[in-house]
Amino acid sequence: MKQKFVFFFAVIAAIIILPMGCQKHELPPPCGGPNDVTVTTMKVFATGLNSPRGLKFGPDGNLYVAEAGLGGTNSSAGLCEQVTFPVGPYLGSTTSGRVSKIDRNGVRTTVTDQLPSSVDQEIVGGDFQGVADVAFVGNKLYALLAGAGCSHGVPSVPNGIVKIESNGSWSLVSNLSEYTMTHPTAHPEPHGGAEPDGTPYGMINVNGNLYITEPNQGDLVKVAIPGGVASRVVDISVSQGHIVPTVIAFHEGNFYMGNLDTFPVVKGQSGIYKITPGGNVQPLMHGFTTILGIDFDQQGRLYVLENATVDGPGPTPNTGDIVRVDLSGKKEILVSGLAQPTGMTFGPDGKLYVSNKGFGSGTTGGGEILQISFKCEYVAADTKN
């Protein structure tokens, strides 16, 4: 069945040396004793975002957020292959895709709002695609476009990676629409639901190059910086089929990937996969649902963001959560009841930052960033339930 949210869409030892390009995270409390309890505090850190997606901290200490934007009204029907009904045809615009900067006080400013944005059909939700993720290489900010390309109603700008200057101007670094069309995967979205321009979702910097997940096609792609040449790390669909890979993290020499899986949502059908730099894909653990964020802390514990956690035709609002997996493989739900969360990252303060209210036609200006803090408390044995 067609993913209308394709844009959104083992656990190992403690980090000793962080690869270049991976941000150092402060240690959350160990909370490993038999009477230790993790106390989680959550607050709204920033508001006023337009369908926020991936987010990263910059070298200046500010948080940068990719936003899908406000969609558009332009049709490219008759100019190129369209995404089939009921998801397509998309309507697009060359503007309103946005990158925001949020300072330590939660104040949002616009880096640029001159990037493409598109919207699918109202019958499937009227959801937006635009800027899917951001990443830094050195002091340079890069953004990943998922709502561009002719099949999204934006024939003048392809999906790809753009470099954004301090004044908000941008330039195309890598044309991922062209790459997708010339490098088909074995098992893309079936039944006529493949997106001609692709719908890249996650992007990270590893050793000065950018790595991108493409959910609709099932691809992991490397883009060399500064040249912008794209090459395949692995066609994930060859060994795993159409599992809709969404997000990746890099930890001690390997990639770790989470997947959305197909719709309708079936609880427990998503998982975590280990991918070597050489492209070997190994399933590690399952039992998750609609994964749209993963990260590791300095103790090697894995944090998983689930967009929704119950069965349904699509993601069910207010059922998202964050799960921590310790070094023994034990899972602990730290936060629940999130509203369509779409991205997650650790801050240099050791807190988690989450894009919430990240998709849906009613999210114009309603998206937010949550800040989640952890505290370890000792509970005497005779007071525990």
Protein backbone atom coordinates (compact mmCIF):
# COMPACT_ATOMS: atom_id res chain seq x y z
CA MET A 1 0.00 0.00 0.00
CA LYS A 2 1.29 3.47 -0.81
CA GLN A 3 3.07 5.27 2.01
CA LYS A 4 1.62 8.74 2.10
CA PHE A 5 4.10 9.53 4.83
CA VAL A 6 7.17 8.13 3.11
CA PHE A 7 8.84 11.48 3.56
CA PHE A 8 8.66 11.41 7.16
CA PHE A 9 8.78 9.55 6.14
CA ALA A 10 23.79 -4.87 18.63
CA VAL A 11 23.50 -2.11 20.98
CA ILE A 12 27.22 -1.73 21.54
CA ALA A 13 29.87 -0.64 24.00
CA ALA A 14 30.41 2.91 25.21
CA ILE A 15 31.96 5.36 22.76
CA ILE A 16 35.70 5.70 23.11
CA ILE A 17 36.46 7.75 20.01
CA LEU A 18 33.83 9.64 18.07
CA PRO A 19 34.29 9.64 14.28
CA MET A 20 34.81 13.03 12.71
CA GLY A 21 31.48 14.69 11.99
CA CYS A 22 29.58 12.98 14.82
CA GLN A 23 28.44 15.34 17.58
CA LYS A 24 29.59 14.60 21.11
CA HIS A 25 26.72 14.03 23.53
CA GLU A 26 26.90 14.63 27.24
CA LEU A 27 26.29 11.62 29.47
CA PRO A 28 22.75 11.12 30.67
CA PRO A 29 22.59 9.70 34.22
CA PRO A 30 23.66 6.05 34.35
CA CYS A 31 20.60 4.87 36.33
CA GLY A 32 21.81 1.29 36.37
CA GLY A 33 21.24 0.15 39.95
CA PRO A 34 18.37 -2.09 41.05
CA ASN A 35 16.73 0.77 42.95
CA ASP A 36 17.46 3.50 40.39
CA VAL A 37 14.58 5.17 38.58
CA THR A 38 14.84 7.48 35.57
CA VAL A 39 12.75 10.59 36.07
CA THR A 40 11.87 12.27 32.77
CA THR A 41 10.96 15.95 32.45
CA MET A 42 9.52 17.29 29.20
CA LYS A 43 8.74 20.85 28.17
CA VAL A 44 7.98 22.76 24.98
CA PHE A 45 11.25 24.37 23.95
CA ALA A 46 10.15 26.22 20.80
CA THR A 47 6.94 26.81 18.83
CA GLY A 48 5.80 28.30 15.53
CA LEU A 49 7.28 25.70 13.20
CA ASN A 50 5.76 24.50 9.92
CA SER A 51 5.82 20.68 9.96
CA PRO A 52 9.26 20.29 11.62
CA ARG A 53 11.34 17.27 10.63
CA GLY A 54 15.04 16.52 11.14
CA LEU A 55 17.08 18.68 13.50
CA LYS A 56 20.74 19.13 14.46
CA PHE A 57 22.82 21.35 16.69
CA GLY A 58 25.28 23.58 14.88
CA PRO A 59 28.85 24.46 15.86
CA ASP A 60 27.48 27.76 17.19
CA GLY A 61 25.42 25.92 19.82
CA ASN A 62 22.08 26.73 18.21
CA LEU A 63 19.52 24.17 17.09
CA TYR A 64 18.71 24.04 13.37
CA VAL A 65 15.39 22.53 12.27
CA ALA A 66 14.23 21.37 8.84
CA GLU A 67 10.62 22.25 8.06
CA ALA A 68 8.40 20.84 5.33
CA GLY A 69 6.75 24.22 4.87
CA LEU A 70 3.30 25.18 3.63
CA GLY A 71 3.01 23.30 0.35
CA GLY A 72 1.96 25.08 -2.83
CA THR A 73 -0.57 25.43 -5.64
CA ASN A 74 1.54 24.73 -8.74
CA SER A 75 0.82 21.61 -10.79
CA SER A 76 3.29 19.96 -13.14
CA ALA A 77 0.72 17.58 -14.63
CA GLY A 78 1.56 16.97 -18.28
CA LEU A 79 5.20 17.96 -17.81
CA CYS A 80 6.49 14.77 -16.21
CA GLU A 81 5.49 11.54 -14.51
CA GLN A 82 3.22 12.21 -11.54
CA VAL A 83 2.74 10.38 -8.27
CA THR A 84 -0.45 8.37 -8.69
CA PHE A 85 -3.79 9.14 -7.04
CA PRO A 86 -4.81 9.20 -4.22
CA VAL A 87 -1.43 10.48 -2.96
CA GLY A 88 -0.64 12.54 -6.07
CA PRO A 89 -0.63 14.61 -8.05
CA TYR A 90 1.27 16.92 -5.70
CA LEU A 91 0.95 20.68 -5.71
CA GLY A 92 4.20 22.54 -5.14
CA SER A 93 5.95 25.85 -4.63
CA THR A 94 9.56 27.00 -4.91
CA THR A 95 9.21 28.71 -1.53
CA SER A 96 8.02 28.09 2.06
CA GLY A 97 10.28 25.11 2.67
CA ARG A 98 12.17 26.45 5.66
CA VAL A 99 15.17 26.05 7.94
CA SER A 100 14.88 27.65 11.37
CA LYS A 101 17.52 28.46 13.97
CA ILE A 102 16.53 28.18 17.62
CA ASP A 103 18.74 29.70 20.29
CA ARG A 104 19.29 28.39 23.82
CA ASN A 105 16.27 30.36 25.03
CA GLY A 106 13.96 28.72 22.50
CA VAL A 107 13.68 31.78 20.28
CA ARG A 108 13.14 30.87 16.62
CA THR A 109 14.54 32.83 13.68
CA THR A 110 14.38 32.00 9.97
CA VAL A 111 17.60 30.99 8.24
CA THR A 112 15.75 30.70 4.93
CA ASP A 113 12.19 30.13 3.78
CA GLN A 114 13.07 30.12 0.10
CA LEU A 115 13.20 26.36 -0.41
CA PRO A 116 10.64 24.14 -2.18
CA SER A 117 7.57 22.71 -0.49
CA SER A 118 4.76 20.50 -1.76
CA VAL A 119 1.54 18.92 -0.55
CA ASP A 120 -0.20 15.66 -1.37
CA GLN A 121 -3.91 15.15 -1.89
CA GLU A 122 -6.36 16.07 0.86
CA ILE A 123 -7.95 12.64 0.64
CA VAL A 124 -4.80 11.15 2.19
CA GLY A 125 -4.22 13.97 4.65
CA GLY A 126 -2.86 16.92 2.72
CA ASP A 127 0.58 16.42 4.22
CA PHE A 128 3.60 18.51 3.38
CA GLN A 129 7.05 17.72 2.08
CA GLY A 130 9.86 20.23 1.89
CA VAL A 131 13.11 20.30 3.83
CA ALA A 132 13.54 16.86 5.39
CA ASP A 133 16.75 17.22 7.39
CA VAL A 134 19.81 19.35 8.04
CA ALA A 135 23.46 18.64 8.79
CA PHE A 136 26.71 20.51 9.26
CA VAL A 137 30.05 19.77 7.65
CA GLY A 138 32.47 22.01 9.48
CA ASN A 139 30.76 25.39 9.71
CA LYS A 140 28.71 24.85 6.55
CA LEU A 141 24.98 24.14 6.80
CA TYR A 142 23.42 21.66 4.38
CA ALA A 143 19.71 20.92 3.90
CA LEU A 144 18.03 17.87 2.38
CA LEU A 145 15.14 18.58 -0.01
CA ALA A 146 12.30 16.04 -0.20
CA GLY A 147 9.44 18.17 -1.52
CA ALA A 148 11.08 19.33 -4.76
CA GLY A 149 11.29 17.88 -8.27
CA CYS A 150 8.82 17.84 -11.12
CA SER A 151 6.71 15.04 -9.62
CA HIS A 152 6.11 17.28 -6.61
CA GLY A 153 5.00 20.27 -8.65
CA VAL A 154 8.43 21.94 -8.55
CA PRO A 155 9.99 21.31 -11.99
CA SER A 156 12.61 24.06 -11.59
CA VAL A 157 14.32 22.60 -8.50
CA PRO A 158 15.20 18.92 -8.00
CA ASN A 159 15.23 17.00 -4.77
CA GLY A 160 18.75 17.03 -3.42
CA ILE A 161 21.21 18.60 -1.02
CA VAL A 162 21.66 22.35 -0.87
CA LYS A 163 24.28 24.43 0.92
CA ILE A 164 22.86 27.39 2.81
CA GLU A 165 24.92 30.52 3.37
CA SER A 166 24.74 32.78 6.42
CA ASN A 167 22.60 35.28 4.49
CA GLY A 168 20.02 32.59 3.65
CA SER A 169 20.99 32.16 0.02
CA TRP A 170 21.48 28.60 -1.15
CA SER A 171 23.02 26.55 -3.93
CA LEU A 172 22.42 23.00 -5.14
CA VAL A 173 25.21 20.60 -4.18
CA SER A 174 23.78 17.25 -5.27
CA ASN A 175 20.83 16.41 -7.57
CA LEU A 176 19.15 13.45 -5.87
CA SER A 177 16.16 13.48 -8.23
CA GLU A 178 18.52 12.61 -11.07
CA TYR A 179 20.32 10.03 -8.94
CA THR A 180 17.03 8.33 -8.00
CA MET A 181 15.85 8.15 -11.60
CA THR A 182 19.14 6.71 -12.88
CA HIS A 183 19.81 4.30 -9.98
CA PRO A 184 16.63 2.26 -9.44
CA THR A 185 16.45 -0.10 -6.50
CA ALA A 186 15.27 -3.70 -6.56
CA HIS A 187 12.08 -3.24 -4.54
CA PRO A 188 10.78 0.36 -4.45
CA GLU A 189 7.28 1.25 -3.28
CA PRO A 190 5.05 -1.22 -5.15
CA HIS A 191 1.66 -0.94 -6.87
CA GLY A 192 2.35 2.27 -8.75
CA GLY A 193 3.24 4.22 -5.62
CA ALA A 194 6.89 4.93 -6.38
CA GLU A 195 7.87 8.61 -6.25
CA PRO A 196 9.88 9.51 -9.38
CA ASP A 197 11.96 12.12 -7.55
CA GLY A 198 12.24 10.07 -4.38
CA THR A 199 11.47 11.26 -0.85
CA PRO A 200 14.78 11.36 1.06
CA TYR A 201 14.28 11.60 4.82
CA GLY A 202 17.39 11.32 7.01
CA MET A 203 20.85 12.88 6.59
CA ILE A 204 23.98 12.66 8.75
CA ASN A 205 27.60 13.75 8.44
CA VAL A 206 30.20 11.02 8.78
CA ASN A 207 33.84 11.94 8.26
CA GLY A 208 32.93 14.98 6.20
CA ASN A 209 30.53 13.27 3.79
CA LEU A 210 26.75 13.18 3.92
CA TYR A 211 24.72 9.97 4.08
CA ILE A 212 21.03 9.93 3.13
CA THR A 213 18.19 7.45 3.61
CA GLU A 214 15.54 7.19 0.88
CA PRO A 215 12.39 5.49 2.22
CA ASN A 216 10.33 5.20 -0.95
CA GLN A 217 13.09 3.47 -2.89
CA GLY A 218 14.84 1.72 0.01
CA ASP A 219 18.30 3.21 -0.55
CA LEU A 220 21.28 4.40 1.52
CA VAL A 221 23.28 6.97 -0.44
CA LYS A 222 26.61 8.70 0.16
CA VAL A 223 27.13 12.24 -1.14
CA ALA A 224 30.74 13.40 -1.28
CA ILE A 225 31.38 16.88 0.08
CA PRO A 226 32.24 19.31 -1.40
CA GLY A 227 31.86 17.75 -4.87
CA GLY A 228 28.30 16.47 -4.41
CA VAL A 229 28.80 13.17 -6.24
CA ALA A 230 26.20 10.63 -5.09
CA SER A 231 26.96 6.92 -4.82
CA ARG A 232 25.13 3.96 -3.38
CA VAL A 233 26.23 2.49 -0.06
CA VAL A 234 23.62 -0.28 -0.28
CA ASP A 235 20.26 -0.99 -1.88
CA ILE A 236 18.54 -1.99 1.36
CA SER A 237 15.58 -3.40 -0.54
CA VAL A 238 17.68 -6.19 -2.07
CA SER A 239 17.98 -8.06 1.23
CA GLN A 240 15.12 -6.59 3.27
CA GLY A 241 12.39 -5.83 0.73
CA HIS A 242 10.28 -2.70 0.96
CA ILE A 243 10.69 -1.81 4.66
CA VAL A 244 10.75 2.02 4.26
CA PRO A 245 14.11 2.97 5.85
CA THR A 246 13.84 6.41 7.43
CA VAL A 247 16.68 7.36 9.77
CA ILE A 248 20.29 6.49 10.48
CA ALA A 249 22.92 7.10 13.14
CA PHE A 250 26.64 6.31 13.03
CA HIS A 251 28.15 4.57 16.04
CA GLU A 252 31.61 3.09 16.45
CA GLY A 253 32.25 2.48 12.78
CA ASN A 254 28.82 1.30 11.61
CA PHE A 255 25.47 2.74 10.58
CA TYR A 256 22.33 1.95 12.54
CA MET A 257 19.05 2.36 10.72
CA GLY A 258 15.41 2.48 11.77
CA ASN A 259 12.47 1.88 9.44
CA LEU A 260 8.87 3.07 9.19
CA ASP A 261 7.49 -0.11 7.57
CA THR A 262 4.45 -0.14 5.30
CA PHE A 263 0.90 1.05 5.94
CA PRO A 264 -1.49 0.16 7.43
CA VAL A 265 0.49 0.37 10.67
CA VAL A 266 0.98 -2.92 12.46
CA LYS A 267 2.36 -2.57 15.97
CA GLY A 268 5.85 -4.03 16.41
CA GLN A 269 6.73 -4.33 12.70
CA SER A 270 9.61 -1.82 12.63
CA GLY A 271 13.17 -2.55 13.68
CA ILE A 272 16.79 -1.51 14.03
CA TYR A 273 19.33 -2.64 11.45
CA LYS A 274 23.12 -2.50 11.47
CA ILE A 275 24.78 -1.52 8.18
CA THR A 276 28.53 -1.78 7.72
CA PRO A 277 30.40 0.82 5.65
CA GLY A 278 30.72 -1.92 3.03
CA GLY A 279 26.95 -2.24 2.75
CA ASN A 280 26.17 -5.40 4.71
CA VAL A 281 22.69 -5.12 6.25
CA GLN A 282 21.97 -7.06 9.44
CA PRO A 283 18.66 -6.93 11.38
CA LEU A 284 19.38 -6.37 15.07
CA MET A 285 16.10 -6.00 16.94
CA HIS A 286 12.42 -5.68 16.17
CA GLY A 287 9.26 -4.95 18.12
CA PHE A 288 9.22 -1.20 17.36
CA THR A 289 6.59 0.76 15.43
CA THR A 290 7.01 3.54 12.81
CA ILE A 291 10.56 4.61 13.70
CA LEU A 292 11.42 8.22 12.76
CA GLY A 293 14.42 8.90 14.98
CA ILE A 294 17.40 7.10 16.52
CA ASP A 295 20.46 8.24 18.46
CA PHE A 296 23.04 6.94 20.91
CA ASP A 297 24.27 8.40 24.17
CA GLN A 298 27.89 8.18 25.36
CA GLN A 299 27.17 4.99 27.24
CA GLY A 300 26.18 3.26 24.02
CA ARG A 301 22.49 3.17 24.88
CA LEU A 302 20.12 3.46 21.95
CA TYR A 303 17.18 5.89 21.87
CA VAL A 304 14.34 5.17 19.46
CA LEU A 305 11.60 7.63 18.45
CA GLU A 306 8.34 5.94 17.47
CA ASN A 307 5.91 8.13 15.53
CA ALA A 308 2.96 5.98 16.58
CA THR A 309 2.62 2.80 18.60
CA VAL A 310 -0.77 1.29 17.78
CA ASP A 311 -2.39 -0.43 14.82
CA GLY A 312 -4.17 1.79 12.34
CA PRO A 313 -4.54 2.76 8.68
CA GLY A 314 -1.83 5.35 9.29
CA PRO A 315 -0.02 6.77 12.31
CA THR A 316 -2.41 7.44 15.21
CA PRO A 317 -1.89 10.89 16.79
CA ASN A 318 -0.77 11.20 20.41
CA THR A 319 0.66 7.67 20.58
CA GLY A 320 4.30 8.45 19.80
CA ASP A 321 7.01 7.63 22.31
CA ILE A 322 10.74 7.40 23.01
CA VAL A 323 12.25 4.07 23.97
CA ARG A 324 15.71 3.57 25.45
CA VAL A 325 17.51 0.27 24.93
CA ASP A 326 20.30 -0.44 27.42
CA LEU A 327 23.44 -2.48 26.78
CA SER A 328 21.69 -5.71 27.77
CA GLY A 329 18.90 -5.08 25.24
CA LYS A 330 16.30 -4.12 27.85
CA LYS A 331 13.75 -1.57 26.59
CA GLU A 332 12.40 1.27 28.70
CA ILE A 333 9.73 3.75 27.57
CA LEU A 334 10.92 7.18 28.67
CA VAL A 335 8.21 9.36 27.11
CA SER A 336 4.77 8.55 25.69
CA GLY A 337 1.82 10.41 24.19
CA LEU A 338 3.82 12.38 21.62
CA ALA A 339 1.86 14.01 18.77
CA GLN A 340 3.23 12.89 15.39
CA PRO A 341 6.94 13.25 16.31
CA THR A 342 9.23 13.25 13.27
CA GLY A 343 12.83 13.80 14.41
CA MET A 344 15.14 13.57 17.42
CA THR A 345 18.66 14.57 18.42
CA PHE A 346 20.77 14.90 21.53
CA GLY A 347 21.92 18.38 22.47
CA PRO A 348 25.33 19.27 23.88
CA ASP A 349 23.53 19.63 27.23
CA GLY A 350 22.68 15.93 27.30
CA LYS A 351 18.99 16.56 26.70
CA LEU A 352 16.90 15.17 23.87
CA TYR A 353 15.24 17.53 21.41
CA VAL A 354 12.25 16.25 19.45
CA SER A 355 10.28 17.62 16.50
CA ASN A 356 6.63 17.24 17.54
CA LYS A 357 3.42 17.83 15.59
CA GLY A 358 5.53 17.21 12.52
CA PHE A 359 2.97 16.37 9.87
CA GLY A 360 -0.67 16.81 8.96
CA SER A 361 -2.54 19.56 7.15
CA GLY A 362 -3.32 21.32 10.44
CA THR A 363 0.30 21.81 11.46
CA THR A 364 0.86 25.22 9.82
CA GLY A 365 2.68 27.14 12.52
CA GLY A 366 1.66 24.50 15.03
CA GLY A 367 4.83 22.44 15.03
CA GLU A 368 7.01 22.49 18.11
CA ILE A 369 10.31 21.32 19.55
CA LEU A 370 10.24 19.43 22.82
CA GLN A 371 13.14 19.36 25.27
CA ILE A 372 13.43 16.19 27.34
CA SER A 373 15.64 15.93 30.43
CA PHE A 374 16.60 12.85 32.40
CA LYS A 375 17.39 12.56 36.10
CA CYS A 376 18.35 9.45 37.99
CA GLU A 377 16.81 9.01 41.43
CA TYR A 378 17.40 6.32 44.04
CA VAL A 379 14.23 4.77 45.38
CA ALA A 380 14.42 2.76 48.57
CA ALA A 381 13.36 -0.84 48.11
CA ASP A 382 10.49 -0.61 50.60
CA THR A 383 8.94 2.34 48.72
CA LYS A 384 8.90 0.72 45.29
CA ASN A 385 5.68 -0.74 43.93
